[in-house]
Amino acid sequence: MMSATPDAEKVVRATFRVEDNADAVNLFGQGDRNLNAIEERFPVRFVSRGNELIIVGPPDEVGRVSRLLERLLSTLRSGNEITDQVLLHAMDLTQAGDEEPLDDIYDDIIVTTARGRRITPKTRGQKEYLAAMRANPIVFGIGPAGTGKTYLAMAQANAALKSGLVNRIILTRPAVEAGEHLGFLPGDLQEKVDPYLRPLYDALYDIIGVNRFEKEMGRGVIEVAPLAYMRGRTLDDSFIILDEAQNTTPEQMKMFLTRQGFGSRVVVTGDITQIDLERGTSGLVQVQDVLQDIKGISFVYLTESDVVRHPLVTQIIRAYERYADEKK
């Protein structure tokens, strides 16, 4: 709850009270960590008195921060933790003028990991991405690093497998560094492709655990392979994920998309700002023009506001975007 009184010209004081001690501790953060982060983003300062906060600053900003605290408190009371990611996203939305509750985002549990951690969307963009994957046979998730494009796709693939919607999961990505000429590399097929597919393994280890991953790989329920090995196949009743799709050629993209069989779901992820092709057009860039208006195909564009890695990742992405704009 909040009450405000004029203190000086263009400056007001507002009182924000939290009735429950545990809620106050979690909202303010250890050593007032969350409050310090809010002070860095908004032109206000806090004076803490037990479960009571005095917010000092310009009237508009004090009102905005008070509503931010109410939103975070509501998120806490719905059983969600105020992590760095949750706080950062709430501040981004508040600065953008979006003050809708966050509970509907964090309450949407995709799956629970082998360690008992709930995987949920962390941003509105991720919520939209998840809804698209549930509703459409083919989904393109396009956005910068750290927005959860591949991880959420894998979580949804696991949920689809557990529910019986599909019978297997197929993960693939172009091995650009090897020029797809994997036959010239030493070792058997697995040894050849492992370095290029390691990020996919890491995500699956986290979601389903190493033991289940190895068991399902052995049974053929989970398949991880380079894009070159998709040619000539028809994939029925499968959840198929193409990662790093910005590094496909138009021909490879067409080849991959036409592998889809009956009962299958396809998710294509990529970042068009990180194209490693030596020449030619990226298949991910071209496909946006080719397939944009086809029913059943959804394009979801994630932005830096959907980054759920360390807060510095968001700042790095924004710095590079500013640099690119200045060069233009």
C-alpha atoms as a PDB file:
ATOM      1  CA  MET A   1       0.000   0.000   0.000  1.00  0.00           C
ATOM      2  CA  MET A   2       1.218   3.536  -0.696  1.00  0.00           C
ATOM      3  CA  SER A   3       0.593   7.059   0.532  1.00  0.00           C
ATOM      4  CA  ALA A   4       2.282  10.175  -0.833  1.00  0.00           C
ATOM      5  CA  THR A   5       2.833  13.678   0.536  1.00  0.00           C
ATOM      6  CA  PRO A   6       4.531  16.694  -1.101  1.00  0.00           C
ATOM      7  CA  ASP A   7       8.047  17.285   0.225  1.00  0.00           C
ATOM      8  CA  ALA A   8       9.483  19.885  -2.113  1.00  0.00           C
ATOM      9  CA  GLU A   9       8.906  21.208  -5.596  1.00  0.00           C
ATOM     10  CA  LYS A  10       8.922  18.309  -8.090  1.00  0.00           C
ATOM     11  CA  VAL A  11       9.807  15.820  -5.327  1.00  0.00           C
ATOM     12  CA  VAL A  12       7.453  13.626  -3.321  1.00  0.00           C
ATOM     13  CA  ARG A  13       7.728  10.949  -0.660  1.00  0.00           C
ATOM     14  CA  ALA A  14       5.681   7.785  -0.864  1.00  0.00           C
ATOM     15  CA  THR A  15       5.304   5.096   1.771  1.00  0.00           C
ATOM     16  CA  PHE A  16       5.202   1.474   0.657  1.00  0.00           C
ATOM     17  CA  ARG A  17       4.387  -1.124   3.323  1.00  0.00           C
ATOM     18  CA  VAL A  18       4.728  -4.907   3.193  1.00  0.00           C
ATOM     19  CA  GLU A  19       2.706  -6.648   5.886  1.00  0.00           C
ATOM     20  CA  ASP A  20       4.458 -10.039   5.782  1.00  0.00           C
ATOM     21  CA  ASN A  21       8.065 -10.180   7.018  1.00  0.00           C
ATOM     22  CA  ALA A  22       9.075 -12.967   4.622  1.00  0.00           C
ATOM     23  CA  ASP A  23       7.595 -11.083   1.663  1.00  0.00           C
ATOM     24  CA  ALA A  24       9.523  -7.968   2.670  1.00  0.00           C
ATOM     25  CA  VAL A  25      12.827  -9.856   2.836  1.00  0.00           C
ATOM     26  CA  ASN A  26      12.264 -11.467  -0.550  1.00  0.00           C
ATOM     27  CA  LEU A  27      11.008  -8.272  -2.172  1.00  0.00           C
ATOM     28  CA  PHE A  28      13.824  -6.045  -0.922  1.00  0.00           C
ATOM     29  CA  GLY A  29      16.480  -8.695  -1.617  1.00  0.00           C
ATOM     30  CA  GLN A  30      19.440  -9.799   0.465  1.00  0.00           C
ATOM     31  CA  GLY A  31      21.163  -6.679   1.748  1.00  0.00           C
ATOM     32  CA  ASP A  32      18.537  -4.617  -0.140  1.00  0.00           C
ATOM     33  CA  ARG A  33      19.982  -5.946  -3.388  1.00  0.00           C
ATOM     34  CA  ASN A  34      16.739  -5.586  -5.336  1.00  0.00           C
ATOM     35  CA  LEU A  35      16.159  -2.070  -4.040  1.00  0.00           C
ATOM     36  CA  ASN A  36      19.678  -1.069  -5.085  1.00  0.00           C
ATOM     37  CA  ALA A  37      19.036  -2.399  -8.594  1.00  0.00           C
ATOM     38  CA  ILE A  38      15.804  -0.390  -8.828  1.00  0.00           C
ATOM     39  CA  GLU A  39      17.601   2.771  -7.665  1.00  0.00           C
ATOM     40  CA  GLU A  40      20.136   2.285 -10.476  1.00  0.00           C
ATOM     41  CA  ARG A  41      17.367   2.173 -13.090  1.00  0.00           C
ATOM     42  CA  PHE A  42      14.945   4.813 -11.782  1.00  0.00           C
ATOM     43  CA  PRO A  43      15.612   8.333 -10.441  1.00  0.00           C
ATOM     44  CA  VAL A  44      14.372   7.529  -6.941  1.00  0.00           C
ATOM     45  CA  ARG A  45      15.930   6.614  -3.626  1.00  0.00           C
ATOM     46  CA  PHE A  46      14.677   4.343  -0.860  1.00  0.00           C
ATOM     47  CA  VAL A  47      14.743   4.731   2.908  1.00  0.00           C
ATOM     48  CA  SER A  48      14.069   1.358   4.522  1.00  0.00           C
ATOM     49  CA  ARG A  49      12.411   1.074   7.937  1.00  0.00           C
ATOM     50  CA  GLY A  50      11.734  -2.564   8.661  1.00  0.00           C
ATOM     51  CA  ASN A  51       8.831  -3.629   6.441  1.00  0.00           C
ATOM     52  CA  GLU A  52       8.256  -0.054   5.319  1.00  0.00           C
ATOM     53  CA  LEU A  53       9.865   1.811   2.453  1.00  0.00           C
ATOM     54  CA  ILE A  54       9.990   5.541   1.895  1.00  0.00           C
ATOM     55  CA  ILE A  55      10.337   6.268  -1.838  1.00  0.00           C
ATOM     56  CA  VAL A  56      11.690   9.716  -2.695  1.00  0.00           C
ATOM     57  CA  GLY A  57      11.802  11.212  -6.171  1.00  0.00           C
ATOM     58  CA  PRO A  58       9.833  12.958  -8.939  1.00  0.00           C
ATOM     59  CA  PRO A  59       6.060  12.285  -8.692  1.00  0.00           C
ATOM     60  CA  ASP A  60       5.807  10.263 -11.916  1.00  0.00           C
ATOM     61  CA  GLU A  61       8.820   8.120 -11.065  1.00  0.00           C
ATOM     62  CA  VAL A  62       7.694   7.505  -7.490  1.00  0.00           C
ATOM     63  CA  GLY A  63       4.314   6.357  -8.771  1.00  0.00           C
ATOM     64  CA  ARG A  64       5.945   4.126 -11.379  1.00  0.00           C
ATOM     65  CA  VAL A  65       8.313   2.515  -8.856  1.00  0.00           C
ATOM     66  CA  SER A  66       5.455   1.998  -6.412  1.00  0.00           C
ATOM     67  CA  ARG A  67       3.514   0.123  -9.100  1.00  0.00           C
ATOM     68  CA  LEU A  68       6.658  -1.883  -9.908  1.00  0.00           C
ATOM     69  CA  LEU A  69       6.911  -2.930  -6.251  1.00  0.00           C
ATOM     70  CA  GLU A  70       3.227  -3.886  -6.205  1.00  0.00           C
ATOM     71  CA  ARG A  71       3.752  -6.018  -9.312  1.00  0.00           C
ATOM     72  CA  LEU A  72       6.772  -7.763  -7.759  1.00  0.00           C
ATOM     73  CA  LEU A  73       4.922  -8.324  -4.499  1.00  0.00           C
ATOM     74  CA  SER A  74       2.019  -9.892  -6.376  1.00  0.00           C
ATOM     75  CA  THR A  75       4.493 -12.157  -8.179  1.00  0.00           C
ATOM     76  CA  LEU A  76       5.918 -13.243  -4.820  1.00  0.00           C
ATOM     77  CA  ARG A  77       2.492 -13.956  -3.354  1.00  0.00           C
ATOM     78  CA  SER A  78       1.652 -16.191  -6.308  1.00  0.00           C
ATOM     79  CA  GLY A  79       4.538 -18.463  -5.308  1.00  0.00           C
ATOM     80  CA  ASN A  80       7.270 -17.185  -7.625  1.00  0.00           C
ATOM     81  CA  GLU A  81      10.762 -16.102  -6.631  1.00  0.00           C
ATOM     82  CA  ILE A  82      12.121 -12.636  -7.407  1.00  0.00           C
ATOM     83  CA  THR A  83      15.256 -13.664  -9.275  1.00  0.00           C
ATOM     84  CA  ASP A  84      17.602 -11.276 -11.065  1.00  0.00           C
ATOM     85  CA  GLN A  85      15.872 -12.217 -14.326  1.00  0.00           C
ATOM     86  CA  VAL A  86      12.382 -11.562 -12.952  1.00  0.00           C
ATOM     87  CA  LEU A  87      13.439  -8.213 -11.509  1.00  0.00           C
ATOM     88  CA  LEU A  88      15.197  -7.136 -14.695  1.00  0.00           C
ATOM     89  CA  HIS A  89      12.208  -8.023 -16.870  1.00  0.00           C
ATOM     90  CA  ALA A  90       9.769  -6.283 -14.515  1.00  0.00           C
ATOM     91  CA  MET A  91      11.889  -3.120 -14.631  1.00  0.00           C
ATOM     92  CA  ASP A  92      12.102  -3.277 -18.440  1.00  0.00           C
ATOM     93  CA  LEU A  93       8.318  -3.607 -18.725  1.00  0.00           C
ATOM     94  CA  THR A  94       7.730  -0.802 -16.241  1.00  0.00           C
ATOM     95  CA  GLN A  95      10.011   1.549 -18.149  1.00  0.00           C
ATOM     96  CA  ALA A  96       8.193   0.606 -21.353  1.00  0.00           C
ATOM     97  CA  GLY A  97       4.845   1.470 -19.788  1.00  0.00           C
ATOM     98  CA  ASP A  98       3.620  -2.150 -19.525  1.00  0.00           C
ATOM     99  CA  GLU A  99       2.183  -2.681 -16.072  1.00  0.00           C
ATOM    100  CA  GLU A 100       0.224  -5.903 -16.569  1.00  0.00           C
ATOM    101  CA  PRO A 101       0.701  -8.610 -13.888  1.00  0.00           C
ATOM    102  CA  LEU A 102       3.541 -11.075 -14.409  1.00  0.00           C
ATOM    103  CA  ASP A 103       1.882 -14.040 -12.685  1.00  0.00           C
ATOM    104  CA  ASP A 104       0.410 -15.435 -15.919  1.00  0.00           C
ATOM    105  CA  ILE A 105       3.934 -15.696 -17.377  1.00  0.00           C
ATOM    106  CA  TYR A 106       5.657 -17.498 -14.517  1.00  0.00           C
ATOM    107  CA  ASP A 107       2.721 -19.775 -13.680  1.00  0.00           C
ATOM    108  CA  ASP A 108       2.870 -21.479 -17.094  1.00  0.00           C
ATOM    109  CA  ILE A 109       5.017 -24.532 -16.310  1.00  0.00           C
ATOM    110  CA  ILE A 110       6.333 -26.286 -19.432  1.00  0.00           C
ATOM    111  CA  VAL A 111       8.120 -29.169 -17.715  1.00  0.00           C
ATOM    112  CA  THR A 112       9.962 -29.912 -14.479  1.00  0.00           C
ATOM    113  CA  THR A 113      13.643 -30.785 -14.855  1.00  0.00           C
ATOM    114  CA  ALA A 114      15.320 -33.906 -13.497  1.00  0.00           C
ATOM    115  CA  ARG A 115      16.418 -31.806 -10.504  1.00  0.00           C
ATOM    116  CA  GLY A 116      12.884 -30.612  -9.789  1.00  0.00           C
ATOM    117  CA  ARG A 117      13.255 -27.096 -11.235  1.00  0.00           C
ATOM    118  CA  ARG A 118      10.218 -25.709 -13.032  1.00  0.00           C
ATOM    119  CA  ILE A 119      10.832 -24.411 -16.545  1.00  0.00           C
ATOM    120  CA  THR A 120       8.535 -21.496 -17.343  1.00  0.00           C
ATOM    121  CA  PRO A 121       8.636 -18.510 -19.694  1.00  0.00           C
ATOM    122  CA  LYS A 122      10.494 -15.588 -18.154  1.00  0.00           C
ATOM    123  CA  THR A 123       9.268 -12.758 -20.405  1.00  0.00           C
ATOM    124  CA  ARG A 124       6.197 -11.827 -22.433  1.00  0.00           C
ATOM    125  CA  GLY A 125       8.122 -12.568 -25.611  1.00  0.00           C
ATOM    126  CA  GLN A 126       8.938 -16.052 -24.359  1.00  0.00           C
ATOM    127  CA  LYS A 127       5.277 -16.537 -23.400  1.00  0.00           C
ATOM    128  CA  GLU A 128       4.277 -15.647 -26.974  1.00  0.00           C
ATOM    129  CA  TYR A 129       6.932 -18.025 -28.321  1.00  0.00           C
ATOM    130  CA  LEU A 130       5.625 -20.877 -26.161  1.00  0.00           C
ATOM    131  CA  ALA A 131       2.024 -20.217 -27.234  1.00  0.00           C
ATOM    132  CA  ALA A 132       3.115 -20.295 -30.888  1.00  0.00           C
ATOM    133  CA  MET A 133       4.862 -23.650 -30.422  1.00  0.00           C
ATOM    134  CA  ARG A 134       1.730 -25.103 -28.867  1.00  0.00           C
ATOM    135  CA  ALA A 135      -0.554 -23.803 -31.606  1.00  0.00           C
ATOM    136  CA  ASN A 136       1.404 -24.168 -34.864  1.00  0.00           C
ATOM    137  CA  PRO A 137       3.049 -27.072 -36.722  1.00  0.00           C
ATOM    138  CA  ILE A 138       6.002 -24.860 -37.730  1.00  0.00           C
ATOM    139  CA  VAL A 139       7.440 -22.020 -35.634  1.00  0.00           C
ATOM    140  CA  PHE A 140      10.432 -19.758 -36.254  1.00  0.00           C
ATOM    141  CA  GLY A 141      12.007 -18.277 -33.113  1.00  0.00           C
ATOM    142  CA  ILE A 142      14.272 -15.415 -34.174  1.00  0.00           C
ATOM    143  CA  GLY A 143      16.240 -13.251 -31.765  1.00  0.00           C
ATOM    144  CA  PRO A 144      19.571 -12.518 -30.077  1.00  0.00           C
ATOM    145  CA  ALA A 145      21.605 -14.806 -27.866  1.00  0.00           C
ATOM    146  CA  GLY A 146      20.226 -15.484 -24.414  1.00  0.00           C
ATOM    147  CA  THR A 147      16.519 -15.182 -25.247  1.00  0.00           C
ATOM    148  CA  GLY A 148      15.851 -18.879 -24.610  1.00  0.00           C
ATOM    149  CA  LYS A 149      15.015 -19.763 -28.208  1.00  0.00           C
ATOM    150  CA  THR A 150      16.577 -23.228 -28.190  1.00  0.00           C
ATOM    151  CA  TYR A 151      16.134 -24.027 -24.504  1.00  0.00           C
ATOM    152  CA  LEU A 152      12.388 -23.360 -24.503  1.00  0.00           C
ATOM    153  CA  ALA A 153      12.001 -25.312 -27.741  1.00  0.00           C
ATOM    154  CA  MET A 154      13.698 -28.294 -26.116  1.00  0.00           C
ATOM    155  CA  ALA A 155      11.550 -27.977 -23.012  1.00  0.00           C
ATOM    156  CA  GLN A 156       8.414 -27.917 -25.176  1.00  0.00           C
ATOM    157  CA  ALA A 157       9.720 -30.890 -27.174  1.00  0.00           C
ATOM    158  CA  ASN A 158      10.149 -32.817 -23.920  1.00  0.00           C
ATOM    159  CA  ALA A 159       6.623 -31.872 -22.830  1.00  0.00           C
ATOM    160  CA  ALA A 160       5.245 -33.047 -26.191  1.00  0.00           C
ATOM    161  CA  LEU A 161       7.113 -36.344 -25.844  1.00  0.00           C
ATOM    162  CA  LYS A 162       5.872 -36.932 -22.296  1.00  0.00           C
ATOM    163  CA  SER A 163       2.270 -36.190 -23.284  1.00  0.00           C
ATOM    164  CA  GLY A 164       2.406 -38.569 -26.262  1.00  0.00           C
ATOM    165  CA  LEU A 165       1.964 -35.813 -28.842  1.00  0.00           C
ATOM    166  CA  VAL A 166       5.149 -37.038 -30.566  1.00  0.00           C
ATOM    167  CA  ASN A 167       7.201 -40.242 -30.404  1.00  0.00           C
ATOM    168  CA  ARG A 168      10.670 -38.789 -30.674  1.00  0.00           C
ATOM    169  CA  ILE A 169      12.772 -35.636 -30.573  1.00  0.00           C
ATOM    170  CA  ILE A 170      15.185 -34.748 -33.362  1.00  0.00           C
ATOM    171  CA  LEU A 171      17.719 -31.963 -32.871  1.00  0.00           C
ATOM    172  CA  THR A 172      19.910 -30.655 -35.661  1.00  0.00           C
ATOM    173  CA  ARG A 173      22.111 -27.724 -36.574  1.00  0.00           C
ATOM    174  CA  PRO A 174      24.416 -26.853 -39.487  1.00  0.00           C
ATOM    175  CA  ALA A 175      28.075 -27.658 -38.808  1.00  0.00           C
ATOM    176  CA  VAL A 176      29.311 -24.519 -40.537  1.00  0.00           C
ATOM    177  CA  GLU A 177      32.812 -24.696 -39.056  1.00  0.00           C
ATOM    178  CA  ALA A 178      33.294 -28.077 -40.750  1.00  0.00           C
ATOM    179  CA  GLY A 179      31.716 -26.894 -43.982  1.00  0.00           C
ATOM    180  CA  GLU A 180      29.365 -29.884 -43.556  1.00  0.00           C
ATOM    181  CA  HIS A 181      32.218 -32.046 -44.889  1.00  0.00           C
ATOM    182  CA  LEU A 182      32.131 -34.263 -41.841  1.00  0.00           C
ATOM    183  CA  GLY A 183      33.450 -37.295 -43.695  1.00  0.00           C
ATOM    184  CA  PHE A 184      36.945 -35.794 -43.636  1.00  0.00           C
ATOM    185  CA  LEU A 185      36.993 -35.503 -39.840  1.00  0.00           C
ATOM    186  CA  PRO A 186      38.549 -38.316 -37.753  1.00  0.00           C
ATOM    187  CA  GLY A 187      36.433 -40.743 -35.724  1.00  0.00           C
ATOM    188  CA  ASP A 188      32.972 -42.252 -36.072  1.00  0.00           C
ATOM    189  CA  LEU A 189      29.836 -40.205 -36.772  1.00  0.00           C
ATOM    190  CA  GLN A 190      29.220 -39.368 -33.108  1.00  0.00           C
ATOM    191  CA  GLU A 191      32.801 -38.204 -32.570  1.00  0.00           C
ATOM    192  CA  LYS A 192      32.658 -36.072 -35.704  1.00  0.00           C
ATOM    193  CA  VAL A 193      29.494 -34.154 -34.856  1.00  0.00           C
ATOM    194  CA  ASP A 194      29.791 -33.889 -31.065  1.00  0.00           C
ATOM    195  CA  PRO A 195      31.748 -30.586 -31.016  1.00  0.00           C
ATOM    196  CA  TYR A 196      29.087 -28.871 -33.140  1.00  0.00           C
ATOM    197  CA  LEU A 197      26.116 -30.303 -31.241  1.00  0.00           C
ATOM    198  CA  ARG A 198      27.486 -29.867 -27.721  1.00  0.00           C
ATOM    199  CA  PRO A 199      25.202 -26.905 -26.870  1.00  0.00           C
ATOM    200  CA  LEU A 200      22.188 -29.098 -27.629  1.00  0.00           C
ATOM    201  CA  TYR A 201      23.516 -31.863 -25.403  1.00  0.00           C
ATOM    202  CA  ASP A 202      24.099 -29.398 -22.571  1.00  0.00           C
ATOM    203  CA  ALA A 203      20.518 -28.153 -22.706  1.00  0.00           C
ATOM    204  CA  LEU A 204      19.102 -31.686 -22.712  1.00  0.00           C
ATOM    205  CA  TYR A 205      21.337 -32.718 -19.813  1.00  0.00           C
ATOM    206  CA  ASP A 206      19.838 -29.869 -17.802  1.00  0.00           C
ATOM    207  CA  ILE A 207      16.229 -30.596 -18.771  1.00  0.00           C
ATOM    208  CA  ILE A 208      16.016 -34.405 -18.573  1.00  0.00           C
ATOM    209  CA  GLY A 209      19.268 -35.435 -16.867  1.00  0.00           C
ATOM    210  CA  VAL A 210      22.272 -37.316 -18.231  1.00  0.00           C
ATOM    211  CA  ASN A 211      20.971 -40.811 -17.438  1.00  0.00           C
ATOM    212  CA  ARG A 212      17.639 -40.372 -19.192  1.00  0.00           C
ATOM    213  CA  PHE A 213      19.322 -38.618 -22.118  1.00  0.00           C
ATOM    214  CA  GLU A 214      21.698 -41.534 -22.702  1.00  0.00           C
ATOM    215  CA  LYS A 215      18.855 -44.045 -22.332  1.00  0.00           C
ATOM    216  CA  GLU A 216      16.608 -42.219 -24.816  1.00  0.00           C
ATOM    217  CA  MET A 217      19.501 -41.746 -27.263  1.00  0.00           C
ATOM    218  CA  GLY A 218      20.159 -45.476 -27.134  1.00  0.00           C
ATOM    219  CA  ARG A 219      16.509 -46.232 -27.882  1.00  0.00           C
ATOM    220  CA  GLY A 220      16.383 -43.739 -30.745  1.00  0.00           C
ATOM    221  CA  VAL A 221      13.765 -41.606 -28.964  1.00  0.00           C
ATOM    222  CA  ILE A 222      16.175 -38.657 -29.011  1.00  0.00           C
ATOM    223  CA  GLU A 223      18.364 -38.055 -32.045  1.00  0.00           C
ATOM    224  CA  VAL A 224      21.009 -35.347 -32.366  1.00  0.00           C
ATOM    225  CA  ALA A 225      22.541 -35.006 -35.837  1.00  0.00           C
ATOM    226  CA  PRO A 226      24.056 -32.416 -38.194  1.00  0.00           C
ATOM    227  CA  LEU A 227      21.760 -30.882 -40.776  1.00  0.00           C
ATOM    228  CA  ALA A 228      23.518 -32.685 -43.618  1.00  0.00           C
ATOM    229  CA  TYR A 229      22.137 -35.996 -42.313  1.00  0.00           C
ATOM    230  CA  MET A 230      18.513 -34.841 -42.654  1.00  0.00           C
ATOM    231  CA  ARG A 231      18.532 -35.068 -46.439  1.00  0.00           C
ATOM    232  CA  GLY A 232      16.236 -37.680 -47.968  1.00  0.00           C
ATOM    233  CA  ARG A 233      14.285 -38.408 -44.784  1.00  0.00           C
ATOM    234  CA  THR A 234      10.584 -38.010 -43.918  1.00  0.00           C
ATOM    235  CA  LEU A 235      10.074 -37.447 -40.209  1.00  0.00           C
ATOM    236  CA  ASP A 236       6.668 -38.501 -38.839  1.00  0.00           C
ATOM    237  CA  ASP A 237       5.403 -38.044 -35.254  1.00  0.00           C
ATOM    238  CA  SER A 238       8.516 -36.091 -34.303  1.00  0.00           C
ATOM    239  CA  PHE A 239       9.393 -32.820 -32.615  1.00  0.00           C
ATOM    240  CA  ILE A 240      12.171 -31.447 -34.810  1.00  0.00           C
ATOM    241  CA  ILE A 241      14.366 -28.502 -33.806  1.00  0.00           C
ATOM    242  CA  LEU A 242      16.764 -26.770 -36.184  1.00  0.00           C
ATOM    243  CA  ASP A 243      19.180 -24.644 -34.174  1.00  0.00           C
ATOM    244  CA  GLU A 244      21.527 -21.900 -35.482  1.00  0.00           C
ATOM    245  CA  ALA A 245      19.373 -21.668 -38.597  1.00  0.00           C
ATOM    246  CA  GLN A 246      20.947 -18.368 -39.628  1.00  0.00           C
ATOM    247  CA  ASN A 247      23.842 -20.496 -40.889  1.00  0.00           C
ATOM    248  CA  THR A 248      21.738 -22.487 -43.349  1.00  0.00           C
ATOM    249  CA  THR A 249      21.684 -21.750 -47.053  1.00  0.00           C
ATOM    250  CA  PRO A 250      18.291 -21.273 -48.744  1.00  0.00           C
ATOM    251  CA  GLU A 251      18.670 -24.756 -50.237  1.00  0.00           C
ATOM    252  CA  GLN A 252      19.358 -26.294 -46.828  1.00  0.00           C
ATOM    253  CA  MET A 253      16.387 -24.495 -45.293  1.00  0.00           C
ATOM    254  CA  LYS A 254      14.060 -25.777 -48.003  1.00  0.00           C
ATOM    255  CA  MET A 255      15.473 -29.286 -47.628  1.00  0.00           C
ATOM    256  CA  PHE A 256      14.958 -29.220 -43.870  1.00  0.00           C
ATOM    257  CA  LEU A 257      11.407 -27.853 -43.896  1.00  0.00           C
ATOM    258  CA  THR A 258      10.305 -30.451 -46.434  1.00  0.00           C
ATOM    259  CA  ARG A 259      11.395 -33.262 -44.078  1.00  0.00           C
ATOM    260  CA  GLN A 260       8.293 -32.709 -41.938  1.00  0.00           C
ATOM    261  CA  GLY A 261       5.945 -35.688 -41.891  1.00  0.00           C
ATOM    262  CA  PHE A 262       2.498 -36.356 -40.418  1.00  0.00           C
ATOM    263  CA  GLY A 263       2.080 -35.624 -36.727  1.00  0.00           C
ATOM    264  CA  SER A 264       5.327 -33.672 -36.508  1.00  0.00           C
ATOM    265  CA  ARG A 265       6.178 -30.273 -35.062  1.00  0.00           C
ATOM    266  CA  VAL A 266       9.059 -28.128 -36.306  1.00  0.00           C
ATOM    267  CA  VAL A 267      10.810 -25.299 -34.482  1.00  0.00           C
ATOM    268  CA  VAL A 268      13.532 -23.289 -36.227  1.00  0.00           C
ATOM    269  CA  THR A 269      15.714 -21.002 -34.120  1.00  0.00           C
ATOM    270  CA  GLY A 270      18.366 -18.482 -35.070  1.00  0.00           C
ATOM    271  CA  ASP A 271      19.884 -15.035 -34.741  1.00  0.00           C
ATOM    272  CA  ILE A 272      20.157 -13.154 -38.028  1.00  0.00           C
ATOM    273  CA  THR A 273      22.810 -10.847 -36.535  1.00  0.00           C
ATOM    274  CA  GLN A 274      25.239 -13.776 -36.171  1.00  0.00           C
ATOM    275  CA  ILE A 275      25.461 -15.238 -39.671  1.00  0.00           C
ATOM    276  CA  ASP A 276      28.704 -17.182 -40.200  1.00  0.00           C
ATOM    277  CA  LEU A 277      28.175 -18.140 -43.847  1.00  0.00           C
ATOM    278  CA  GLU A 278      31.127 -17.135 -46.009  1.00  0.00           C
ATOM    279  CA  ARG A 279      28.929 -16.118 -48.927  1.00  0.00           C
ATOM    280  CA  GLY A 280      25.365 -16.195 -50.177  1.00  0.00           C
ATOM    281  CA  THR A 281      22.031 -15.524 -48.512  1.00  0.00           C
ATOM    282  CA  SER A 282      21.051 -16.992 -45.174  1.00  0.00           C
ATOM    283  CA  GLY A 283      18.146 -19.412 -45.422  1.00  0.00           C
ATOM    284  CA  LEU A 284      16.687 -17.912 -42.259  1.00  0.00           C
ATOM    285  CA  VAL A 285      16.673 -14.432 -43.777  1.00  0.00           C
ATOM    286  CA  GLN A 286      15.071 -15.594 -47.026  1.00  0.00           C
ATOM    287  CA  VAL A 287      12.426 -17.831 -45.439  1.00  0.00           C
ATOM    288  CA  GLN A 288      10.807 -14.865 -43.687  1.00  0.00           C
ATOM    289  CA  ASP A 289       9.750 -13.522 -47.098  1.00  0.00           C
ATOM    290  CA  VAL A 290       8.897 -16.893 -48.596  1.00  0.00           C
ATOM    291  CA  LEU A 291       6.658 -18.314 -45.845  1.00  0.00           C
ATOM    292  CA  GLN A 292       5.384 -15.252 -43.965  1.00  0.00           C
ATOM    293  CA  ASP A 293       1.735 -15.577 -45.050  1.00  0.00           C
ATOM    294  CA  ILE A 294       1.214 -19.351 -44.787  1.00  0.00           C
ATOM    295  CA  LYS A 295      -1.337 -20.446 -42.191  1.00  0.00           C
ATOM    296  CA  GLY A 296       0.129 -22.805 -39.592  1.00  0.00           C
ATOM    297  CA  ILE A 297       3.564 -21.188 -39.772  1.00  0.00           C
ATOM    298  CA  SER A 298       4.380 -18.640 -37.066  1.00  0.00           C
ATOM    299  CA  PHE A 299       7.303 -16.230 -36.825  1.00  0.00           C
ATOM    300  CA  VAL A 300       8.117 -15.019 -33.289  1.00  0.00           C
ATOM    301  CA  TYR A 301      10.677 -12.245 -32.890  1.00  0.00           C
ATOM    302  CA  LEU A 302      12.428 -12.034 -29.532  1.00  0.00           C
ATOM    303  CA  THR A 303      14.398  -8.937 -28.530  1.00  0.00           C
ATOM    304  CA  GLU A 304      16.991  -7.873 -25.986  1.00  0.00           C
ATOM    305  CA  SER A 305      14.144  -7.419 -23.477  1.00  0.00           C
ATOM    306  CA  ASP A 306      13.702 -11.220 -23.610  1.00  0.00           C
ATOM    307  CA  VAL A 307      17.326 -11.986 -22.711  1.00  0.00           C
ATOM    308  CA  VAL A 308      17.389 -14.182 -19.604  1.00  0.00           C
ATOM    309  CA  ARG A 309      21.116 -14.568 -19.147  1.00  0.00           C
ATOM    310  CA  HIS A 310      23.305 -12.364 -16.971  1.00  0.00           C
ATOM    311  CA  PRO A 311      22.132  -8.699 -17.085  1.00  0.00           C
ATOM    312  CA  LEU A 312      25.428  -7.793 -18.751  1.00  0.00           C
ATOM    313  CA  VAL A 313      24.378  -9.832 -21.795  1.00  0.00           C
ATOM    314  CA  THR A 314      21.508  -7.408 -22.399  1.00  0.00           C
ATOM    315  CA  GLN A 315      23.864  -4.447 -22.075  1.00  0.00           C
ATOM    316  CA  ILE A 316      26.337  -6.072 -24.487  1.00  0.00           C
ATOM    317  CA  ILE A 317      23.592  -6.675 -27.075  1.00  0.00           C
ATOM    318  CA  ARG A 318      22.386  -3.079 -26.795  1.00  0.00           C
ATOM    319  CA  ALA A 319      25.956  -1.740 -27.071  1.00  0.00           C
ATOM    320  CA  TYR A 320      26.551  -3.684 -30.289  1.00  0.00           C
ATOM    321  CA  GLU A 321      23.226  -2.478 -31.703  1.00  0.00           C
ATOM    322  CA  ARG A 322      24.159   1.126 -30.941  1.00  0.00           C
ATOM    323  CA  TYR A 323      27.556   0.578 -32.561  1.00  0.00           C
ATOM    324  CA  ALA A 324      25.955  -0.892 -35.693  1.00  0.00           C
ATOM    325  CA  ASP A 325      23.497   2.006 -35.894  1.00  0.00           C
ATOM    326  CA  GLU A 326      26.324   4.526 -35.613  1.00  0.00           C
ATOM    327  CA  LYS A 327      28.254   2.764 -38.396  1.00  0.00           C
ATOM    328  CA  LYS A 328      25.190   2.928 -40.641  1.00  0.00           C
END
